[in-house]
Amino acid sequence: MLLDGRTAVVMGAASGVGLVTARRFAEEGARVVCADIDAAGAKEAVRVIEAAGGTAAAAECDVSREEDVAAAIAKAVERFGRLDVVFNNVGIPTPRLGASLEEHTVEDFDRLVAVNLRGVFLGCKHAVLQFKRQGGGGVILNTGSVAGLVAWGGSVYGGTKGGVHQLTRAVAIEGAPFGIRANAICPAGMPFTNFMAAGGLAGSEEAVARVGANHPLGRPITAEDCAEAAVYLVSDRAANISGVLLPVDGGYVAR
């Protein structure tokens, strides 16, 4: 029960990494606010957590809208009395698989920045505001990407994730005097992503094989891999770890 008695907000909790992580947080004793732009999906995530004996609440949240992010965090405080963890698990891919820099429109760029970077900024901002109001510190975890560490996965997408990484480190330094930690997980290829969906391959054996072949360990990255890293980083076992960009990548960036 690494998170016993703590309250966590998980953005993007209706599916994928967000859903699996919300479930794992609840299994470790956390009370979880499942936030997602998909309101029905957020409610289903709550149902799954409660059916397993956990405690959760749903919040409809478009992470590009400040009022939505502030409301999701306020709901955690109103429902459970305080805030301990915010997992800014947000990100959308480039809208056209394999698009080069010059093929992106201004609208593509604005949308990627609005969700991938502004969404994390807003989650960090309102987490810090609440942590300072209540005192006692807190933990922020962001979803970055190996695409923000190396040139992989699309130029504009990678640029937004690089921004997430730098924002994470800056929040870690600014928050340190207040007991606020901030880290990011940086996944590599996942066979169930929108990138694979765009090619009609999501979840297929071909997708698993193709994605796994990119990693030295030979396996694709799963939502469970990311969730286990997330549990560790937001727990007291990582009490002296802050400002870290943790690749969950099967050795990809070590090559």
C-alpha atoms as a PDB file:
ATOM      1  CA  MET A   1       0.000   0.000   0.000  1.00  0.00           C
ATOM      2  CA  LEU A   2       2.573   2.529  -1.155  1.00  0.00           C
ATOM      3  CA  LEU A   3      -0.011   5.295  -1.594  1.00  0.00           C
ATOM      4  CA  ASP A   4      -2.280   4.564   1.351  1.00  0.00           C
ATOM      5  CA  GLY A   5      -4.400   7.566   2.332  1.00  0.00           C
ATOM      6  CA  ARG A   6      -3.215   9.773  -0.509  1.00  0.00           C
ATOM      7  CA  THR A   7      -5.257  11.578  -3.120  1.00  0.00           C
ATOM      8  CA  ALA A   8      -4.183  11.498  -6.761  1.00  0.00           C
ATOM      9  CA  VAL A   9      -5.535  13.142  -9.895  1.00  0.00           C
ATOM     10  CA  VAL A  10      -4.812  11.172 -13.062  1.00  0.00           C
ATOM     11  CA  MET A  11      -5.323  12.994 -16.336  1.00  0.00           C
ATOM     12  CA  GLY A  12      -6.198  10.866 -19.353  1.00  0.00           C
ATOM     13  CA  ALA A  13      -7.553   8.170 -17.057  1.00  0.00           C
ATOM     14  CA  ALA A  14     -10.174   6.754 -19.439  1.00  0.00           C
ATOM     15  CA  SER A  15      -7.777   4.553 -21.395  1.00  0.00           C
ATOM     16  CA  GLY A  16      -4.237   3.324 -21.925  1.00  0.00           C
ATOM     17  CA  VAL A  17      -1.504   4.402 -19.534  1.00  0.00           C
ATOM     18  CA  GLY A  18      -3.877   6.662 -17.613  1.00  0.00           C
ATOM     19  CA  LEU A  19      -6.423   3.923 -16.949  1.00  0.00           C
ATOM     20  CA  VAL A  20      -3.876   1.308 -15.907  1.00  0.00           C
ATOM     21  CA  THR A  21      -2.060   3.810 -13.690  1.00  0.00           C
ATOM     22  CA  ALA A  22      -5.276   4.997 -12.044  1.00  0.00           C
ATOM     23  CA  ARG A  23      -6.063   1.374 -11.216  1.00  0.00           C
ATOM     24  CA  ARG A  24      -2.569   0.774  -9.841  1.00  0.00           C
ATOM     25  CA  PHE A  25      -2.707   3.935  -7.716  1.00  0.00           C
ATOM     26  CA  ALA A  26      -6.006   2.726  -6.262  1.00  0.00           C
ATOM     27  CA  GLU A  27      -4.573  -0.739  -5.617  1.00  0.00           C
ATOM     28  CA  GLU A  28      -1.794   0.940  -3.651  1.00  0.00           C
ATOM     29  CA  GLY A  29      -4.365   2.717  -1.471  1.00  0.00           C
ATOM     30  CA  ALA A  30      -4.789   6.066  -3.210  1.00  0.00           C
ATOM     31  CA  ARG A  31      -8.107   7.832  -3.667  1.00  0.00           C
ATOM     32  CA  VAL A  32      -8.134   8.665  -7.355  1.00  0.00           C
ATOM     33  CA  VAL A  33      -9.841  11.355  -9.408  1.00  0.00           C
ATOM     34  CA  CYS A  34     -10.079   9.944 -12.928  1.00  0.00           C
ATOM     35  CA  ALA A  35     -10.025  12.939 -15.278  1.00  0.00           C
ATOM     36  CA  ASP A  36     -10.526  12.717 -19.023  1.00  0.00           C
ATOM     37  CA  ILE A  37     -12.113  14.586 -21.909  1.00  0.00           C
ATOM     38  CA  ASP A  38     -14.101  11.366 -22.394  1.00  0.00           C
ATOM     39  CA  ALA A  39     -16.586  11.764 -19.544  1.00  0.00           C
ATOM     40  CA  ALA A  40     -18.142   8.325 -20.058  1.00  0.00           C
ATOM     41  CA  GLY A  41     -14.691   6.740 -20.091  1.00  0.00           C
ATOM     42  CA  ALA A  42     -13.744   8.495 -16.858  1.00  0.00           C
ATOM     43  CA  LYS A  43     -16.900   7.165 -15.206  1.00  0.00           C
ATOM     44  CA  GLU A  44     -16.124   3.669 -16.450  1.00  0.00           C
ATOM     45  CA  ALA A  45     -12.625   3.930 -14.973  1.00  0.00           C
ATOM     46  CA  VAL A  46     -14.213   4.805 -11.625  1.00  0.00           C
ATOM     47  CA  ARG A  47     -16.556   1.829 -11.916  1.00  0.00           C
ATOM     48  CA  VAL A  48     -13.626  -0.515 -12.543  1.00  0.00           C
ATOM     49  CA  ILE A  49     -11.677   0.869  -9.581  1.00  0.00           C
ATOM     50  CA  GLU A  50     -14.645   0.693  -7.229  1.00  0.00           C
ATOM     51  CA  ALA A  51     -15.489  -2.840  -8.365  1.00  0.00           C
ATOM     52  CA  ALA A  52     -11.989  -3.843  -7.259  1.00  0.00           C
ATOM     53  CA  GLY A  53     -12.504  -2.241  -3.838  1.00  0.00           C
ATOM     54  CA  GLY A  54     -10.837   1.102  -4.529  1.00  0.00           C
ATOM     55  CA  THR A  55     -12.015   4.676  -4.100  1.00  0.00           C
ATOM     56  CA  ALA A  56     -12.387   7.027  -7.049  1.00  0.00           C
ATOM     57  CA  ALA A  57     -14.319   9.908  -8.574  1.00  0.00           C
ATOM     58  CA  ALA A  58     -14.712  11.046 -12.189  1.00  0.00           C
ATOM     59  CA  ALA A  59     -14.062  14.469 -13.693  1.00  0.00           C
ATOM     60  CA  GLU A  60     -14.624  15.576 -17.273  1.00  0.00           C
ATOM     61  CA  CYS A  61     -11.498  17.492 -18.246  1.00  0.00           C
ATOM     62  CA  ASP A  62     -10.106  18.998 -21.437  1.00  0.00           C
ATOM     63  CA  VAL A  63      -6.504  19.584 -20.371  1.00  0.00           C
ATOM     64  CA  SER A  64      -6.122  22.469 -22.821  1.00  0.00           C
ATOM     65  CA  ARG A  65      -8.741  24.437 -20.828  1.00  0.00           C
ATOM     66  CA  GLU A  66      -7.500  25.983 -17.592  1.00  0.00           C
ATOM     67  CA  GLU A  67     -10.931  25.982 -15.969  1.00  0.00           C
ATOM     68  CA  ASP A  68     -11.265  22.225 -16.544  1.00  0.00           C
ATOM     69  CA  VAL A  69      -7.874  21.435 -15.037  1.00  0.00           C
ATOM     70  CA  ALA A  70      -8.493  23.680 -12.040  1.00  0.00           C
ATOM     71  CA  ALA A  71     -11.899  22.042 -11.515  1.00  0.00           C
ATOM     72  CA  ALA A  72     -10.459  18.512 -11.599  1.00  0.00           C
ATOM     73  CA  ILE A  73      -7.921  19.390  -8.925  1.00  0.00           C
ATOM     74  CA  ALA A  74     -10.543  21.238  -6.879  1.00  0.00           C
ATOM     75  CA  LYS A  75     -12.751  18.144  -7.061  1.00  0.00           C
ATOM     76  CA  ALA A  76     -10.001  16.043  -5.485  1.00  0.00           C
ATOM     77  CA  VAL A  77      -9.724  18.478  -2.586  1.00  0.00           C
ATOM     78  CA  GLU A  78     -13.484  18.829  -2.139  1.00  0.00           C
ATOM     79  CA  ARG A  79     -14.126  15.087  -2.304  1.00  0.00           C
ATOM     80  CA  PHE A  80     -11.106  13.754  -0.426  1.00  0.00           C
ATOM     81  CA  GLY A  81      -9.810  16.685   1.628  1.00  0.00           C
ATOM     82  CA  ARG A  82      -6.400  17.258   0.065  1.00  0.00           C
ATOM     83  CA  LEU A  83      -4.170  16.688  -2.970  1.00  0.00           C
ATOM     84  CA  ASP A  84      -0.996  14.602  -2.914  1.00  0.00           C
ATOM     85  CA  VAL A  85      -0.280  13.554  -6.499  1.00  0.00           C
ATOM     86  CA  VAL A  86      -1.047  14.892  -9.968  1.00  0.00           C
ATOM     87  CA  PHE A  87      -0.208  12.695 -12.951  1.00  0.00           C
ATOM     88  CA  ASN A  88      -0.298  14.826 -16.091  1.00  0.00           C
ATOM     89  CA  ASN A  89      -0.703  11.900 -18.462  1.00  0.00           C
ATOM     90  CA  VAL A  90      -1.574  13.874 -21.566  1.00  0.00           C
ATOM     91  CA  GLY A  91      -0.532  13.758 -25.176  1.00  0.00           C
ATOM     92  CA  ILE A  92      -1.864  13.448 -28.708  1.00  0.00           C
ATOM     93  CA  PRO A  93       0.217  12.340 -31.708  1.00  0.00           C
ATOM     94  CA  THR A  94       0.929  14.177 -34.903  1.00  0.00           C
ATOM     95  CA  PRO A  95      -2.329  14.056 -36.893  1.00  0.00           C
ATOM     96  CA  ARG A  96      -0.821  12.330 -39.933  1.00  0.00           C
ATOM     97  CA  LEU A  97       1.430   9.328 -39.448  1.00  0.00           C
ATOM     98  CA  GLY A  98       4.960  10.043 -40.660  1.00  0.00           C
ATOM     99  CA  ALA A  99       4.330  13.726 -41.426  1.00  0.00           C
ATOM    100  CA  SER A 100       7.520  15.774 -41.779  1.00  0.00           C
ATOM    101  CA  LEU A 101       8.020  19.188 -40.203  1.00  0.00           C
ATOM    102  CA  GLU A 102       6.958  21.086 -43.305  1.00  0.00           C
ATOM    103  CA  GLU A 103       3.836  19.004 -43.733  1.00  0.00           C
ATOM    104  CA  HIS A 104       2.412  20.206 -40.425  1.00  0.00           C
ATOM    105  CA  THR A 105      -0.081  23.032 -40.666  1.00  0.00           C
ATOM    106  CA  VAL A 106      -0.243  25.868 -38.171  1.00  0.00           C
ATOM    107  CA  GLU A 107      -3.458  24.280 -36.916  1.00  0.00           C
ATOM    108  CA  ASP A 108      -1.608  20.988 -36.352  1.00  0.00           C
ATOM    109  CA  PHE A 109       1.098  22.815 -34.426  1.00  0.00           C
ATOM    110  CA  ASP A 110      -1.350  24.780 -32.288  1.00  0.00           C
ATOM    111  CA  ARG A 111      -3.333  21.661 -31.389  1.00  0.00           C
ATOM    112  CA  LEU A 112      -0.246  19.652 -30.427  1.00  0.00           C
ATOM    113  CA  VAL A 113       1.080  22.491 -28.272  1.00  0.00           C
ATOM    114  CA  ALA A 114      -2.330  23.135 -26.691  1.00  0.00           C
ATOM    115  CA  VAL A 115      -2.717  19.559 -25.471  1.00  0.00           C
ATOM    116  CA  ASN A 116       0.807  18.194 -25.066  1.00  0.00           C
ATOM    117  CA  LEU A 117       2.495  21.234 -23.569  1.00  0.00           C
ATOM    118  CA  ARG A 118      -0.212  23.603 -22.319  1.00  0.00           C
ATOM    119  CA  GLY A 119      -2.055  20.672 -20.748  1.00  0.00           C
ATOM    120  CA  VAL A 120       1.008  19.723 -18.705  1.00  0.00           C
ATOM    121  CA  PHE A 121       1.713  23.358 -17.826  1.00  0.00           C
ATOM    122  CA  LEU A 122      -1.822  23.774 -16.495  1.00  0.00           C
ATOM    123  CA  GLY A 123      -1.668  20.550 -14.502  1.00  0.00           C
ATOM    124  CA  CYS A 124       1.656  21.553 -12.964  1.00  0.00           C
ATOM    125  CA  LYS A 125       0.464  25.092 -12.235  1.00  0.00           C
ATOM    126  CA  HIS A 126      -2.686  24.108 -10.404  1.00  0.00           C
ATOM    127  CA  ALA A 127      -0.976  21.256  -8.577  1.00  0.00           C
ATOM    128  CA  VAL A 128       1.677  23.652  -7.268  1.00  0.00           C
ATOM    129  CA  LEU A 129      -0.943  26.193  -6.242  1.00  0.00           C
ATOM    130  CA  GLN A 130      -2.823  23.557  -4.229  1.00  0.00           C
ATOM    131  CA  PHE A 131       0.321  22.060  -2.712  1.00  0.00           C
ATOM    132  CA  LYS A 132       1.395  25.498  -1.494  1.00  0.00           C
ATOM    133  CA  ARG A 133      -2.078  26.277  -0.128  1.00  0.00           C
ATOM    134  CA  GLN A 134      -2.250  23.140   1.969  1.00  0.00           C
ATOM    135  CA  GLY A 135       1.450  22.807   2.830  1.00  0.00           C
ATOM    136  CA  GLY A 136       3.429  19.610   3.212  1.00  0.00           C
ATOM    137  CA  GLY A 137       4.608  19.252  -0.369  1.00  0.00           C
ATOM    138  CA  GLY A 138       3.314  16.975  -3.092  1.00  0.00           C
ATOM    139  CA  VAL A 139       4.282  15.065  -6.215  1.00  0.00           C
ATOM    140  CA  ILE A 140       3.869  15.884  -9.907  1.00  0.00           C
ATOM    141  CA  LEU A 141       4.431  13.257 -12.571  1.00  0.00           C
ATOM    142  CA  ASN A 142       4.316  14.104 -16.267  1.00  0.00           C
ATOM    143  CA  THR A 143       4.192  11.911 -19.350  1.00  0.00           C
ATOM    144  CA  GLY A 144       7.062  12.785 -21.613  1.00  0.00           C
ATOM    145  CA  SER A 145       8.426  10.621 -24.411  1.00  0.00           C
ATOM    146  CA  VAL A 146      11.649   9.305 -25.870  1.00  0.00           C
ATOM    147  CA  ALA A 147      10.630  11.566 -28.777  1.00  0.00           C
ATOM    148  CA  GLY A 148      11.539  14.475 -26.515  1.00  0.00           C
ATOM    149  CA  LEU A 149      14.947  12.951 -25.741  1.00  0.00           C
ATOM    150  CA  VAL A 150      16.012  12.008 -29.273  1.00  0.00           C
ATOM    151  CA  ALA A 151      14.760  12.853 -32.765  1.00  0.00           C
ATOM    152  CA  TRP A 152      12.120  10.140 -33.020  1.00  0.00           C
ATOM    153  CA  GLY A 153       8.360  10.095 -33.367  1.00  0.00           C
ATOM    154  CA  GLY A 154       7.688  13.290 -35.278  1.00  0.00           C
ATOM    155  CA  SER A 155       9.268  16.745 -35.179  1.00  0.00           C
ATOM    156  CA  VAL A 156       6.448  18.834 -33.706  1.00  0.00           C
ATOM    157  CA  TYR A 157       5.305  16.073 -31.362  1.00  0.00           C
ATOM    158  CA  GLY A 158       8.894  15.649 -30.178  1.00  0.00           C
ATOM    159  CA  GLY A 159       9.188  19.388 -29.704  1.00  0.00           C
ATOM    160  CA  THR A 160       6.167  19.448 -27.419  1.00  0.00           C
ATOM    161  CA  LYS A 161       7.535  16.540 -25.383  1.00  0.00           C
ATOM    162  CA  GLY A 162      10.916  18.265 -25.134  1.00  0.00           C
ATOM    163  CA  GLY A 163       9.037  21.217 -23.671  1.00  0.00           C
ATOM    164  CA  VAL A 164       7.378  18.884 -21.158  1.00  0.00           C
ATOM    165  CA  HIS A 165      10.791  17.613 -20.112  1.00  0.00           C
ATOM    166  CA  GLN A 166      12.220  21.078 -19.523  1.00  0.00           C
ATOM    167  CA  LEU A 167       9.072  22.172 -17.701  1.00  0.00           C
ATOM    168  CA  THR A 168       9.380  19.108 -15.454  1.00  0.00           C
ATOM    169  CA  ARG A 169      12.938  19.972 -14.475  1.00  0.00           C
ATOM    170  CA  ALA A 170      12.073  23.615 -13.861  1.00  0.00           C
ATOM    171  CA  VAL A 171       9.110  22.703 -11.641  1.00  0.00           C
ATOM    172  CA  ALA A 172      11.348  20.301  -9.716  1.00  0.00           C
ATOM    173  CA  ILE A 173      13.787  23.101  -8.905  1.00  0.00           C
ATOM    174  CA  GLU A 174      11.168  25.739  -8.146  1.00  0.00           C
ATOM    175  CA  GLY A 175       9.138  23.315  -6.056  1.00  0.00           C
ATOM    176  CA  ALA A 176      12.001  21.836  -4.049  1.00  0.00           C
ATOM    177  CA  PRO A 177      11.921  24.450  -1.243  1.00  0.00           C
ATOM    178  CA  PHE A 178       8.237  23.588  -0.730  1.00  0.00           C
ATOM    179  CA  GLY A 179       8.708  19.816  -0.673  1.00  0.00           C
ATOM    180  CA  ILE A 180       7.272  19.463  -4.178  1.00  0.00           C
ATOM    181  CA  ARG A 181       8.812  16.803  -6.408  1.00  0.00           C
ATOM    182  CA  ALA A 182       8.393  16.612 -10.190  1.00  0.00           C
ATOM    183  CA  ASN A 183       9.467  13.852 -12.550  1.00  0.00           C
ATOM    184  CA  ALA A 184       8.507  12.495 -15.964  1.00  0.00           C
ATOM    185  CA  ILE A 185       8.244   9.065 -17.511  1.00  0.00           C
ATOM    186  CA  CYS A 186       9.383   8.846 -21.122  1.00  0.00           C
ATOM    187  CA  PRO A 187       7.878   5.851 -22.931  1.00  0.00           C
ATOM    188  CA  ALA A 188       9.154   4.497 -26.230  1.00  0.00           C
ATOM    189  CA  GLY A 189       7.083   2.559 -28.759  1.00  0.00           C
ATOM    190  CA  MET A 190       3.707   1.197 -27.677  1.00  0.00           C
ATOM    191  CA  PRO A 191       1.672  -1.055 -30.015  1.00  0.00           C
ATOM    192  CA  PHE A 192      -1.677   0.378 -28.910  1.00  0.00           C
ATOM    193  CA  THR A 193      -0.953   4.043 -29.665  1.00  0.00           C
ATOM    194  CA  ASN A 194      -2.761   6.342 -32.063  1.00  0.00           C
ATOM    195  CA  PHE A 195       0.291   6.135 -34.329  1.00  0.00           C
ATOM    196  CA  MET A 196      -0.430   2.454 -34.890  1.00  0.00           C
ATOM    197  CA  ALA A 197      -4.163   3.091 -35.128  1.00  0.00           C
ATOM    198  CA  ALA A 198      -3.510   5.536 -37.958  1.00  0.00           C
ATOM    199  CA  GLY A 199      -1.818   2.726 -39.862  1.00  0.00           C
ATOM    200  CA  GLY A 200      -4.558   0.233 -39.055  1.00  0.00           C
ATOM    201  CA  LEU A 201      -2.186  -1.839 -36.922  1.00  0.00           C
ATOM    202  CA  ALA A 202      -3.076  -0.993 -33.326  1.00  0.00           C
ATOM    203  CA  GLY A 203      -2.982  -4.045 -31.068  1.00  0.00           C
ATOM    204  CA  SER A 204      -2.099  -6.482 -33.851  1.00  0.00           C
ATOM    205  CA  GLU A 205       0.693  -9.046 -33.696  1.00  0.00           C
ATOM    206  CA  GLU A 206       2.401  -7.097 -36.456  1.00  0.00           C
ATOM    207  CA  ALA A 207       2.282  -3.943 -34.329  1.00  0.00           C
ATOM    208  CA  VAL A 208       3.777  -5.747 -31.335  1.00  0.00           C
ATOM    209  CA  ALA A 209       6.567  -7.201 -33.463  1.00  0.00           C
ATOM    210  CA  ARG A 210       7.354  -3.966 -35.280  1.00  0.00           C
ATOM    211  CA  VAL A 211       7.400  -1.836 -32.152  1.00  0.00           C
ATOM    212  CA  GLY A 212       9.357  -4.368 -30.116  1.00  0.00           C
ATOM    213  CA  ALA A 213      12.012  -4.632 -32.826  1.00  0.00           C
ATOM    214  CA  ASN A 214      12.895  -0.967 -32.251  1.00  0.00           C
ATOM    215  CA  HIS A 215      13.981  -1.641 -28.657  1.00  0.00           C
ATOM    216  CA  PRO A 216      17.217  -3.397 -27.633  1.00  0.00           C
ATOM    217  CA  LEU A 217      15.268  -5.620 -25.219  1.00  0.00           C
ATOM    218  CA  GLY A 218      13.041  -6.645 -28.118  1.00  0.00           C
ATOM    219  CA  ARG A 219       9.696  -5.966 -26.433  1.00  0.00           C
ATOM    220  CA  PRO A 220       7.165  -3.153 -26.906  1.00  0.00           C
ATOM    221  CA  ILE A 221       6.386  -0.817 -24.034  1.00  0.00           C
ATOM    222  CA  THR A 222       3.099  -1.538 -22.283  1.00  0.00           C
ATOM    223  CA  ALA A 223       0.763   0.585 -20.216  1.00  0.00           C
ATOM    224  CA  GLU A 224       1.664  -1.662 -17.288  1.00  0.00           C
ATOM    225  CA  ASP A 225       5.363  -0.819 -17.705  1.00  0.00           C
ATOM    226  CA  CYS A 226       4.525   2.871 -17.447  1.00  0.00           C
ATOM    227  CA  ALA A 227       2.150   2.378 -14.516  1.00  0.00           C
ATOM    228  CA  GLU A 228       4.751   0.560 -12.429  1.00  0.00           C
ATOM    229  CA  ALA A 229       7.261   3.344 -13.041  1.00  0.00           C
ATOM    230  CA  ALA A 230       4.584   5.878 -12.106  1.00  0.00           C
ATOM    231  CA  VAL A 231       3.739   4.137  -8.816  1.00  0.00           C
ATOM    232  CA  TYR A 232       7.396   4.162  -7.824  1.00  0.00           C
ATOM    233  CA  LEU A 233       8.024   7.792  -8.731  1.00  0.00           C
ATOM    234  CA  VAL A 234       5.015   9.161  -6.829  1.00  0.00           C
ATOM    235  CA  SER A 235       5.642   7.010  -3.746  1.00  0.00           C
ATOM    236  CA  ASP A 236       7.910   7.660  -0.781  1.00  0.00           C
ATOM    237  CA  ARG A 237      10.342   5.116  -2.191  1.00  0.00           C
ATOM    238  CA  ALA A 238      11.349   7.924  -4.566  1.00  0.00           C
ATOM    239  CA  ALA A 239      11.346  10.595  -1.843  1.00  0.00           C
ATOM    240  CA  ASN A 240      14.744  11.946  -2.909  1.00  0.00           C
ATOM    241  CA  ILE A 241      14.180  11.726  -6.655  1.00  0.00           C
ATOM    242  CA  SER A 242      13.118  14.886  -8.468  1.00  0.00           C
ATOM    243  CA  GLY A 243      13.779  16.439 -11.849  1.00  0.00           C
ATOM    244  CA  VAL A 244      14.285  13.000 -13.442  1.00  0.00           C
ATOM    245  CA  LEU A 245      13.228  12.062 -16.981  1.00  0.00           C
ATOM    246  CA  LEU A 246      12.895   8.288 -16.723  1.00  0.00           C
ATOM    247  CA  PRO A 247      12.987   6.428 -20.046  1.00  0.00           C
ATOM    248  CA  VAL A 248      10.632   3.446 -20.129  1.00  0.00           C
ATOM    249  CA  ASP A 249      12.048   2.336 -23.413  1.00  0.00           C
ATOM    250  CA  GLY A 250      13.617  -1.123 -23.456  1.00  0.00           C
ATOM    251  CA  GLY A 251      17.038   0.490 -23.744  1.00  0.00           C
ATOM    252  CA  TYR A 252      16.217   2.607 -26.797  1.00  0.00           C
ATOM    253  CA  VAL A 253      17.938   5.858 -25.839  1.00  0.00           C
ATOM    254  CA  ALA A 254      21.012   4.028 -24.482  1.00  0.00           C
ATOM    255  CA  ARG A 255      22.070   2.915 -27.968  1.00  0.00           C
END
